[in-house]
Amino acid sequence: MNRFVIADSTLCIGCHTCEAACSETHRQHGLQSMPRLKVMLNEKESAPQLCHHCEDAPCATVCPVNAINRVDGAVQLNESLCVSCKLCGIA
């Protein structure tokens, strides 16, 4: 399984297929099937929004169970610890 999704926003038509594929891939690997990306739409364009692997990773800072950590330069979620509080998404 790839750790990253490479998406060309100029080719995005807002169909959400990337969300479905991400979800299905994670489900097949026994992980939570929620997608790790979200298609953002406005009046003129659409584009997939992905994890930016921020240097300071605010999502990891707010996680109450320390389920998000930086491993080999990538921000990763330990799903066995995650309690689905969604604070990471708000951060």
PDB file of N, CA and C in Angstrom:
ATOM      1  N   MET A   1       0.846  -1.177   0.000  1.00  0.00           N
ATOM      2  CA  MET A   1       0.000   0.000   0.000  1.00  0.00           C
ATOM      3  C   MET A   1       0.890   1.239   0.000  1.00  0.00           C
ATOM      4  N   ASN A   2       0.561   2.204  -0.857  1.00  0.00           N
ATOM      5  CA  ASN A   2       1.310   3.455  -0.908  1.00  0.00           C
ATOM      6  C   ASN A   2       1.024   4.300   0.315  1.00  0.00           C
ATOM      7  N   ARG A   3       2.024   5.071   0.760  1.00  0.00           N
ATOM      8  CA  ARG A   3       1.838   5.959   1.901  1.00  0.00           C
ATOM      9  C   ARG A   3       1.254   7.295   1.473  1.00  0.00           C
ATOM     10  N   PHE A   4       1.413   7.651   0.193  1.00  0.00           N
ATOM     11  CA  PHE A   4       0.989   8.953  -0.287  1.00  0.00           C
ATOM     12  C   PHE A   4       0.128   8.803  -1.528  1.00  0.00           C
ATOM     13  N   VAL A   5      -0.748   9.764  -1.733  1.00  0.00           N
ATOM     14  CA  VAL A   5      -1.537   9.844  -2.950  1.00  0.00           C
ATOM     15  C   VAL A   5      -0.993  11.019  -3.742  1.00  0.00           C
ATOM     16  N   ILE A   6      -0.693  10.794  -5.001  1.00  0.00           N
ATOM     17  CA  ILE A   6      -0.253  11.881  -5.866  1.00  0.00           C
ATOM     18  C   ILE A   6      -1.432  12.228  -6.753  1.00  0.00           C
ATOM     19  N   ALA A   7      -1.895  13.467  -6.640  1.00  0.00           N
ATOM     20  CA  ALA A   7      -3.073  13.890  -7.390  1.00  0.00           C
ATOM     21  C   ALA A   7      -2.757  15.156  -8.169  1.00  0.00           C
ATOM     22  N   ASP A   8      -3.140  15.177  -9.425  1.00  0.00           N
ATOM     23  CA  ASP A   8      -2.977  16.362 -10.264  1.00  0.00           C
ATOM     24  C   ASP A   8      -4.285  17.136 -10.212  1.00  0.00           C
ATOM     25  N   SER A   9      -4.297  18.245  -9.489  1.00  0.00           N
ATOM     26  CA  SER A   9      -5.538  18.999  -9.287  1.00  0.00           C
ATOM     27  C   SER A   9      -6.083  19.576 -10.589  1.00  0.00           C
ATOM     28  N   THR A  10      -5.238  19.719 -11.614  1.00  0.00           N
ATOM     29  CA  THR A  10      -5.728  20.251 -12.889  1.00  0.00           C
ATOM     30  C   THR A  10      -6.591  19.225 -13.623  1.00  0.00           C
ATOM     31  N   LEU A  11      -6.479  17.960 -13.241  1.00  0.00           N
ATOM     32  CA  LEU A  11      -7.273  16.910 -13.881  1.00  0.00           C
ATOM     33  C   LEU A  11      -8.514  16.528 -13.077  1.00  0.00           C
ATOM     34  N   CYS A  12      -8.653  17.086 -11.877  1.00  0.00           N
ATOM     35  CA  CYS A  12      -9.766  16.728 -10.994  1.00  0.00           C
ATOM     36  C   CYS A  12     -11.095  17.235 -11.556  1.00  0.00           C
ATOM     37  N   ILE A  13     -12.089  16.330 -11.626  1.00  0.00           N
ATOM     38  CA  ILE A  13     -13.426  16.709 -12.076  1.00  0.00           C
ATOM     39  C   ILE A  13     -14.442  16.638 -10.936  1.00  0.00           C
ATOM     40  N   GLY A  14     -13.964  16.390  -9.731  1.00  0.00           N
ATOM     41  CA  GLY A  14     -14.835  16.376  -8.556  1.00  0.00           C
ATOM     42  C   GLY A  14     -15.712  15.153  -8.433  1.00  0.00           C
ATOM     43  N   CYS A  15     -15.297  14.025  -8.987  1.00  0.00           N
ATOM     44  CA  CYS A  15     -16.130  12.819  -8.990  1.00  0.00           C
ATOM     45  C   CYS A  15     -16.021  11.993  -7.705  1.00  0.00           C
ATOM     46  N   HIS A  16     -15.053  12.294  -6.851  1.00  0.00           N
ATOM     47  CA  HIS A  16     -14.835  11.609  -5.569  1.00  0.00           C
ATOM     48  C   HIS A  16     -14.342  10.165  -5.726  1.00  0.00           C
ATOM     49  N   THR A  17     -13.940   9.762  -6.929  1.00  0.00           N
ATOM     50  CA  THR A  17     -13.423   8.414  -7.132  1.00  0.00           C
ATOM     51  C   THR A  17     -12.162   8.174  -6.309  1.00  0.00           C
ATOM     52  N   CYS A  18     -11.332   9.204  -6.153  1.00  0.00           N
ATOM     53  CA  CYS A  18     -10.107   9.057  -5.356  1.00  0.00           C
ATOM     54  C   CYS A  18     -10.444   8.754  -3.899  1.00  0.00           C
ATOM     55  N   GLU A  19     -11.519   9.370  -3.376  1.00  0.00           N
ATOM     56  CA  GLU A  19     -11.956   9.088  -2.005  1.00  0.00           C
ATOM     57  C   GLU A  19     -12.385   7.629  -1.876  1.00  0.00           C
ATOM     58  N   ALA A  20     -13.154   7.162  -2.849  1.00  0.00           N
ATOM     59  CA  ALA A  20     -13.635   5.778  -2.820  1.00  0.00           C
ATOM     60  C   ALA A  20     -12.476   4.791  -2.924  1.00  0.00           C
ATOM     61  N   ALA A  21     -11.515   5.075  -3.800  1.00  0.00           N
ATOM     62  CA  ALA A  21     -10.365   4.182  -3.968  1.00  0.00           C
ATOM     63  C   ALA A  21      -9.521   4.138  -2.698  1.00  0.00           C
ATOM     64  N   CYS A  22      -9.324   5.281  -2.070  1.00  0.00           N
ATOM     65  CA  CYS A  22      -8.557   5.349  -0.822  1.00  0.00           C
ATOM     66  C   CYS A  22      -9.252   4.524   0.261  1.00  0.00           C
ATOM     67  N   SER A  23     -10.546   4.722   0.371  1.00  0.00           N
ATOM     68  CA  SER A  23     -11.343   4.004   1.366  1.00  0.00           C
ATOM     69  C   SER A  23     -11.267   2.494   1.156  1.00  0.00           C
ATOM     70  N   GLU A  24     -11.428   2.070  -0.079  1.00  0.00           N
ATOM     71  CA  GLU A  24     -11.424   0.642  -0.403  1.00  0.00           C
ATOM     72  C   GLU A  24     -10.050   0.022  -0.150  1.00  0.00           C
ATOM     73  N   THR A  25      -8.994   0.725  -0.493  1.00  0.00           N
ATOM     74  CA  THR A  25      -7.638   0.216  -0.258  1.00  0.00           C
ATOM     75  C   THR A  25      -7.388   0.009   1.223  1.00  0.00           C
ATOM     76  N   HIS A  26      -7.786   0.977   2.039  1.00  0.00           N
ATOM     77  CA  HIS A  26      -7.592   0.843   3.481  1.00  0.00           C
ATOM     78  C   HIS A  26      -8.449  -0.294   4.051  1.00  0.00           C
ATOM     79  N   ARG A  27      -9.671  -0.437   3.556  1.00  0.00           N
ATOM     80  CA  ARG A  27     -10.550  -1.510   4.022  1.00  0.00           C
ATOM     81  C   ARG A  27      -9.937  -2.869   3.718  1.00  0.00           C
ATOM     82  N   GLN A  28      -9.368  -3.025   2.534  1.00  0.00           N
ATOM     83  CA  GLN A  28      -8.756  -4.293   2.145  1.00  0.00           C
ATOM     84  C   GLN A  28      -7.545  -4.644   3.002  1.00  0.00           C
ATOM     85  N   HIS A  29      -6.912  -3.648   3.592  1.00  0.00           N
ATOM     86  CA  HIS A  29      -5.758  -3.887   4.461  1.00  0.00           C
ATOM     87  C   HIS A  29      -6.164  -3.958   5.931  1.00  0.00           C
ATOM     88  N   GLY A  30      -7.478  -4.030   6.192  1.00  0.00           N
ATOM     89  CA  GLY A  30      -7.962  -4.180   7.559  1.00  0.00           C
ATOM     90  C   GLY A  30      -7.924  -2.899   8.378  1.00  0.00           C
ATOM     91  N   LEU A  31      -7.840  -1.761   7.704  1.00  0.00           N
ATOM     92  CA  LEU A  31      -7.798  -0.472   8.388  1.00  0.00           C
ATOM     93  C   LEU A  31      -9.160   0.208   8.312  1.00  0.00           C
ATOM     94  N   GLN A  32      -9.318   1.304   9.053  1.00  0.00           N
ATOM     95  CA  GLN A  32     -10.560   2.069   8.983  1.00  0.00           C
ATOM     96  C   GLN A  32     -10.776   2.496   7.538  1.00  0.00           C
ATOM     97  N   SER A  33     -11.996   2.345   7.049  1.00  0.00           N
ATOM     98  CA  SER A  33     -12.231   2.578   5.630  1.00  0.00           C
ATOM     99  C   SER A  33     -12.523   4.026   5.274  1.00  0.00           C
ATOM    100  N   MET A  34     -12.400   4.944   6.220  1.00  0.00           N
ATOM    101  CA  MET A  34     -12.623   6.343   5.857  1.00  0.00           C
ATOM    102  C   MET A  34     -11.457   6.848   5.007  1.00  0.00           C
ATOM    103  N   PRO A  35     -11.747   7.663   3.977  1.00  0.00           N
ATOM    104  CA  PRO A  35     -10.671   8.142   3.106  1.00  0.00           C
ATOM    105  C   PRO A  35      -9.745   9.112   3.828  1.00  0.00           C
ATOM    106  N   ARG A  36      -8.495   9.123   3.404  1.00  0.00           N
ATOM    107  CA  ARG A  36      -7.495  10.030   3.994  1.00  0.00           C
ATOM    108  C   ARG A  36      -7.355  11.300   3.165  1.00  0.00           C
ATOM    109  N   LEU A  37      -8.284  11.526   2.273  1.00  0.00           N
ATOM    110  CA  LEU A  37      -8.299  12.746   1.478  1.00  0.00           C
ATOM    111  C   LEU A  37      -9.740  13.184   1.303  1.00  0.00           C
ATOM    112  N   LYS A  38      -9.921  14.427   0.899  1.00  0.00           N
ATOM    113  CA  LYS A  38     -11.265  14.968   0.708  1.00  0.00           C
ATOM    114  C   LYS A  38     -11.246  15.855  -0.521  1.00  0.00           C
ATOM    115  N   VAL A  39     -12.236  15.692  -1.383  1.00  0.00           N
ATOM    116  CA  VAL A  39     -12.345  16.541  -2.561  1.00  0.00           C
ATOM    117  C   VAL A  39     -13.021  17.843  -2.145  1.00  0.00           C
ATOM    118  N   MET A  40     -12.330  18.941  -2.381  1.00  0.00           N
ATOM    119  CA  MET A  40     -12.858  20.265  -2.065  1.00  0.00           C
ATOM    120  C   MET A  40     -13.423  20.870  -3.348  1.00  0.00           C
ATOM    121  N   LEU A  41     -14.622  21.390  -3.268  1.00  0.00           N
ATOM    122  CA  LEU A  41     -15.290  21.959  -4.432  1.00  0.00           C
ATOM    123  C   LEU A  41     -15.619  23.424  -4.184  1.00  0.00           C
ATOM    124  N   ASN A  42     -15.513  24.247  -5.229  1.00  0.00           N
ATOM    125  CA  ASN A  42     -16.050  25.602  -5.183  1.00  0.00           C
ATOM    126  C   ASN A  42     -16.726  25.875  -6.514  1.00  0.00           C
ATOM    127  N   GLU A  43     -17.101  27.106  -6.774  1.00  0.00           N
ATOM    128  CA  GLU A  43     -17.862  27.415  -7.991  1.00  0.00           C
ATOM    129  C   GLU A  43     -17.084  27.136  -9.274  1.00  0.00           C
ATOM    130  N   LYS A  44     -15.756  27.256  -9.222  1.00  0.00           N
ATOM    131  CA  LYS A  44     -14.958  27.177 -10.438  1.00  0.00           C
ATOM    132  C   LYS A  44     -14.135  25.905 -10.593  1.00  0.00           C
ATOM    133  N   GLU A  45     -13.775  25.266  -9.484  1.00  0.00           N
ATOM    134  CA  GLU A  45     -12.859  24.133  -9.598  1.00  0.00           C
ATOM    135  C   GLU A  45     -13.025  23.150  -8.452  1.00  0.00           C
ATOM    136  N   SER A  46     -12.390  22.020  -8.616  1.00  0.00           N
ATOM    137  CA  SER A  46     -12.354  21.010  -7.557  1.00  0.00           C
ATOM    138  C   SER A  46     -10.922  20.505  -7.458  1.00  0.00           C
ATOM    139  N   ALA A  47     -10.570  20.042  -6.275  1.00  0.00           N
ATOM    140  CA  ALA A  47      -9.219  19.515  -6.072  1.00  0.00           C
ATOM    141  C   ALA A  47      -9.200  18.637  -4.833  1.00  0.00           C
ATOM    142  N   PRO A  48      -8.447  17.544  -4.880  1.00  0.00           N
ATOM    143  CA  PRO A  48      -8.320  16.707  -3.687  1.00  0.00           C
ATOM    144  C   PRO A  48      -7.425  17.388  -2.651  1.00  0.00           C
ATOM    145  N   GLN A  49      -7.864  17.375  -1.402  1.00  0.00           N
ATOM    146  CA  GLN A  49      -7.059  17.921  -0.310  1.00  0.00           C
ATOM    147  C   GLN A  49      -6.479  16.738   0.453  1.00  0.00           C
ATOM    148  N   LEU A  50      -5.163  16.712   0.555  1.00  0.00           N
ATOM    149  CA  LEU A  50      -4.455  15.599   1.167  1.00  0.00           C
ATOM    150  C   LEU A  50      -3.699  16.062   2.397  1.00  0.00           C
ATOM    151  N   CYS A  51      -3.209  15.122   3.165  1.00  0.00           N
ATOM    152  CA  CYS A  51      -2.341  15.441   4.293  1.00  0.00           C
ATOM    153  C   CYS A  51      -1.097  16.150   3.769  1.00  0.00           C
ATOM    154  N   HIS A  52      -0.730  17.250   4.414  1.00  0.00           N
ATOM    155  CA  HIS A  52       0.431  18.025   3.985  1.00  0.00           C
ATOM    156  C   HIS A  52       1.711  17.587   4.695  1.00  0.00           C
ATOM    157  N   HIS A  53       1.605  16.647   5.618  1.00  0.00           N
ATOM    158  CA  HIS A  53       2.755  16.176   6.392  1.00  0.00           C
ATOM    159  C   HIS A  53       3.521  17.368   6.965  1.00  0.00           C
ATOM    160  N   CYS A  54       2.765  18.261   7.625  1.00  0.00           N
ATOM    161  CA  CYS A  54       3.309  19.502   8.178  1.00  0.00           C
ATOM    162  C   CYS A  54       4.479  19.228   9.116  1.00  0.00           C
ATOM    163  N   GLU A  55       5.420  20.133   9.119  1.00  0.00           N
ATOM    164  CA  GLU A  55       6.587  20.005   9.992  1.00  0.00           C
ATOM    165  C   GLU A  55       6.161  19.954  11.454  1.00  0.00           C
ATOM    166  N   ASP A  56       5.226  20.846  11.839  1.00  0.00           N
ATOM    167  CA  ASP A  56       4.771  20.890  13.235  1.00  0.00           C
ATOM    168  C   ASP A  56       3.577  19.974  13.495  1.00  0.00           C
ATOM    169  N   ALA A  57       2.964  19.427  12.458  1.00  0.00           N
ATOM    170  CA  ALA A  57       1.841  18.478  12.529  1.00  0.00           C
ATOM    171  C   ALA A  57       0.840  18.802  13.638  1.00  0.00           C
ATOM    172  N   PRO A  58       0.013  19.856  13.447  1.00  0.00           N
ATOM    173  CA  PRO A  58      -0.969  20.214  14.472  1.00  0.00           C
ATOM    174  C   PRO A  58      -1.942  19.077  14.790  1.00  0.00           C
ATOM    175  N   CYS A  59      -2.196  18.207  13.834  1.00  0.00           N
ATOM    176  CA  CYS A  59      -3.086  17.071  14.081  1.00  0.00           C
ATOM    177  C   CYS A  59      -2.509  16.156  15.161  1.00  0.00           C
ATOM    178  N   ALA A  60      -1.196  15.953  15.127  1.00  0.00           N
ATOM    179  CA  ALA A  60      -0.540  15.106  16.130  1.00  0.00           C
ATOM    180  C   ALA A  60      -0.541  15.773  17.495  1.00  0.00           C
ATOM    181  N   THR A  61      -0.412  17.086  17.502  1.00  0.00           N
ATOM    182  CA  THR A  61      -0.382  17.832  18.760  1.00  0.00           C
ATOM    183  C   THR A  61      -1.701  17.727  19.511  1.00  0.00           C
ATOM    184  N   VAL A  62      -2.829  17.760  18.774  1.00  0.00           N
ATOM    185  CA  VAL A  62      -4.140  17.748  19.433  1.00  0.00           C
ATOM    186  C   VAL A  62      -4.675  16.350  19.713  1.00  0.00           C
ATOM    187  N   CYS A  63      -4.047  15.328  19.176  1.00  0.00           N
ATOM    188  CA  CYS A  63      -4.552  13.961  19.368  1.00  0.00           C
ATOM    189  C   CYS A  63      -4.473  13.564  20.848  1.00  0.00           C
ATOM    190  N   PRO A  64      -5.627  13.259  21.468  1.00  0.00           N
ATOM    191  CA  PRO A  64      -5.633  12.956  22.900  1.00  0.00           C
ATOM    192  C   PRO A  64      -5.030  11.596  23.261  1.00  0.00           C
ATOM    193  N   VAL A  65      -4.860  10.720  22.267  1.00  0.00           N
ATOM    194  CA  VAL A  65      -4.333   9.379  22.552  1.00  0.00           C
ATOM    195  C   VAL A  65      -2.995   9.115  21.854  1.00  0.00           C
ATOM    196  N   ASN A  66      -2.385  10.174  21.322  1.00  0.00           N
ATOM    197  CA  ASN A  66      -1.092  10.067  20.621  1.00  0.00           C
ATOM    198  C   ASN A  66      -1.099   9.025  19.505  1.00  0.00           C
ATOM    199  N   ALA A  67      -2.190   9.009  18.737  1.00  0.00           N
ATOM    200  CA  ALA A  67      -2.309   8.056  17.637  1.00  0.00           C
ATOM    201  C   ALA A  67      -1.631   8.554  16.365  1.00  0.00           C
ATOM    202  N   ILE A  68      -1.246   9.835  16.330  1.00  0.00           N
ATOM    203  CA  ILE A  68      -0.613  10.411  15.144  1.00  0.00           C
ATOM    204  C   ILE A  68       0.824  10.772  15.483  1.00  0.00           C
ATOM    205  N   ASN A  69       1.746  10.237  14.693  1.00  0.00           N
ATOM    206  CA  ASN A  69       3.174  10.471  14.926  1.00  0.00           C
ATOM    207  C   ASN A  69       3.902  10.622  13.605  1.00  0.00           C
ATOM    208  N   ARG A  70       5.088  11.200  13.661  1.00  0.00           N
ATOM    209  CA  ARG A  70       5.939  11.300  12.483  1.00  0.00           C
ATOM    210  C   ARG A  70       6.866  10.080  12.465  1.00  0.00           C
ATOM    211  N   VAL A  71       6.826   9.333  11.359  1.00  0.00           N
ATOM    212  CA  VAL A  71       7.660   8.142  11.186  1.00  0.00           C
ATOM    213  C   VAL A  71       8.371   8.262   9.841  1.00  0.00           C
ATOM    214  N   ASP A  72       9.681   8.267   9.871  1.00  0.00           N
ATOM    215  CA  ASP A  72      10.480   8.381   8.642  1.00  0.00           C
ATOM    216  C   ASP A  72      10.060   9.577   7.789  1.00  0.00           C
ATOM    217  N   GLY A  73       9.776  10.697   8.434  1.00  0.00           N
ATOM    218  CA  GLY A  73       9.425  11.922   7.720  1.00  0.00           C
ATOM    219  C   GLY A  73       7.975  12.040   7.307  1.00  0.00           C
ATOM    220  N   ALA A  74       7.169  11.030   7.559  1.00  0.00           N
ATOM    221  CA  ALA A  74       5.757  11.057   7.179  1.00  0.00           C
ATOM    222  C   ALA A  74       4.884  11.048   8.429  1.00  0.00           C
ATOM    223  N   VAL A  75       3.797  11.799   8.380  1.00  0.00           N
ATOM    224  CA  VAL A  75       2.830  11.796   9.476  1.00  0.00           C
ATOM    225  C   VAL A  75       1.972  10.547   9.313  1.00  0.00           C
ATOM    226  N   GLN A  76       1.923   9.711  10.344  1.00  0.00           N
ATOM    227  CA  GLN A  76       1.185   8.455  10.242  1.00  0.00           C
ATOM    228  C   GLN A  76       0.212   8.290  11.398  1.00  0.00           C
ATOM    229  N   LEU A  77      -0.886   7.625  11.100  1.00  0.00           N
ATOM    230  CA  LEU A  77      -1.934   7.349  12.077  1.00  0.00           C
ATOM    231  C   LEU A  77      -1.843   5.896  12.520  1.00  0.00           C
ATOM    232  N   ASN A  78      -1.802   5.672  13.825  1.00  0.00           N
ATOM    233  CA  ASN A  78      -1.868   4.323  14.385  1.00  0.00           C
ATOM    234  C   ASN A  78      -3.343   4.066  14.681  1.00  0.00           C
ATOM    235  N   GLU A  79      -4.005   3.356  13.777  1.00  0.00           N
ATOM    236  CA  GLU A  79      -5.450   3.176  13.882  1.00  0.00           C
ATOM    237  C   GLU A  79      -5.877   2.376  15.100  1.00  0.00           C
ATOM    238  N   SER A  80      -5.008   1.565  15.638  1.00  0.00           N
ATOM    239  CA  SER A  80      -5.389   0.787  16.821  1.00  0.00           C
ATOM    240  C   SER A  80      -5.525   1.683  18.053  1.00  0.00           C
ATOM    241  N   LEU A  81      -4.913   2.860  18.027  1.00  0.00           N
ATOM    242  CA  LEU A  81      -5.039   3.810  19.136  1.00  0.00           C
ATOM    243  C   LEU A  81      -6.135   4.845  18.902  1.00  0.00           C
ATOM    244  N   CYS A  82      -6.477   5.096  17.653  1.00  0.00           N
ATOM    245  CA  CYS A  82      -7.427   6.158  17.287  1.00  0.00           C
ATOM    246  C   CYS A  82      -8.809   5.907  17.897  1.00  0.00           C
ATOM    247  N   VAL A  83      -9.390   6.968  18.482  1.00  0.00           N
ATOM    248  CA  VAL A  83     -10.724   6.878  19.076  1.00  0.00           C
ATOM    249  C   VAL A  83     -11.756   7.646  18.243  1.00  0.00           C
ATOM    250  N   SER A  84     -11.383   8.067  17.040  1.00  0.00           N
ATOM    251  CA  SER A  84     -12.265   8.764  16.095  1.00  0.00           C
ATOM    252  C   SER A  84     -12.895  10.030  16.663  1.00  0.00           C
ATOM    253  N   CYS A  85     -12.119  10.784  17.439  1.00  0.00           N
ATOM    254  CA  CYS A  85     -12.642  12.024  18.027  1.00  0.00           C
ATOM    255  C   CYS A  85     -12.704  13.156  17.002  1.00  0.00           C
ATOM    256  N   LYS A  86     -11.972  13.038  15.908  1.00  0.00           N
ATOM    257  CA  LYS A  86     -11.929  13.990  14.800  1.00  0.00           C
ATOM    258  C   LYS A  86     -11.251  15.320  15.129  1.00  0.00           C
ATOM    259  N   LEU A  87     -10.564  15.400  16.265  1.00  0.00           N
ATOM    260  CA  LEU A  87      -9.831  16.624  16.600  1.00  0.00           C
ATOM    261  C   LEU A  87      -8.725  16.900  15.581  1.00  0.00           C
ATOM    262  N   CYS A  88      -8.157  15.847  15.015  1.00  0.00           N
ATOM    263  CA  CYS A  88      -7.101  16.017  14.017  1.00  0.00           C
ATOM    264  C   CYS A  88      -7.624  16.766  12.790  1.00  0.00           C
ATOM    265  N   GLY A  89      -8.837  16.476  12.385  1.00  0.00           N
ATOM    266  CA  GLY A  89      -9.434  17.143  11.235  1.00  0.00           C
ATOM    267  C   GLY A  89      -9.737  18.601  11.495  1.00  0.00           C
ATOM    268  N   ILE A  90     -10.043  18.926  12.725  1.00  0.00           N
ATOM    269  CA  ILE A  90     -10.327  20.311  13.098  1.00  0.00           C
ATOM    270  C   ILE A  90      -9.031  21.116  13.143  1.00  0.00           C
ATOM    271  N   ALA A  91      -7.951  20.453  13.583  1.00  0.00           N
ATOM    272  CA  ALA A  91      -6.660  21.150  13.701  1.00  0.00           C
ATOM    273  C   ALA A  91      -6.151  21.544  12.332  1.00  0.00           C
TER     274      ALA A  91
END
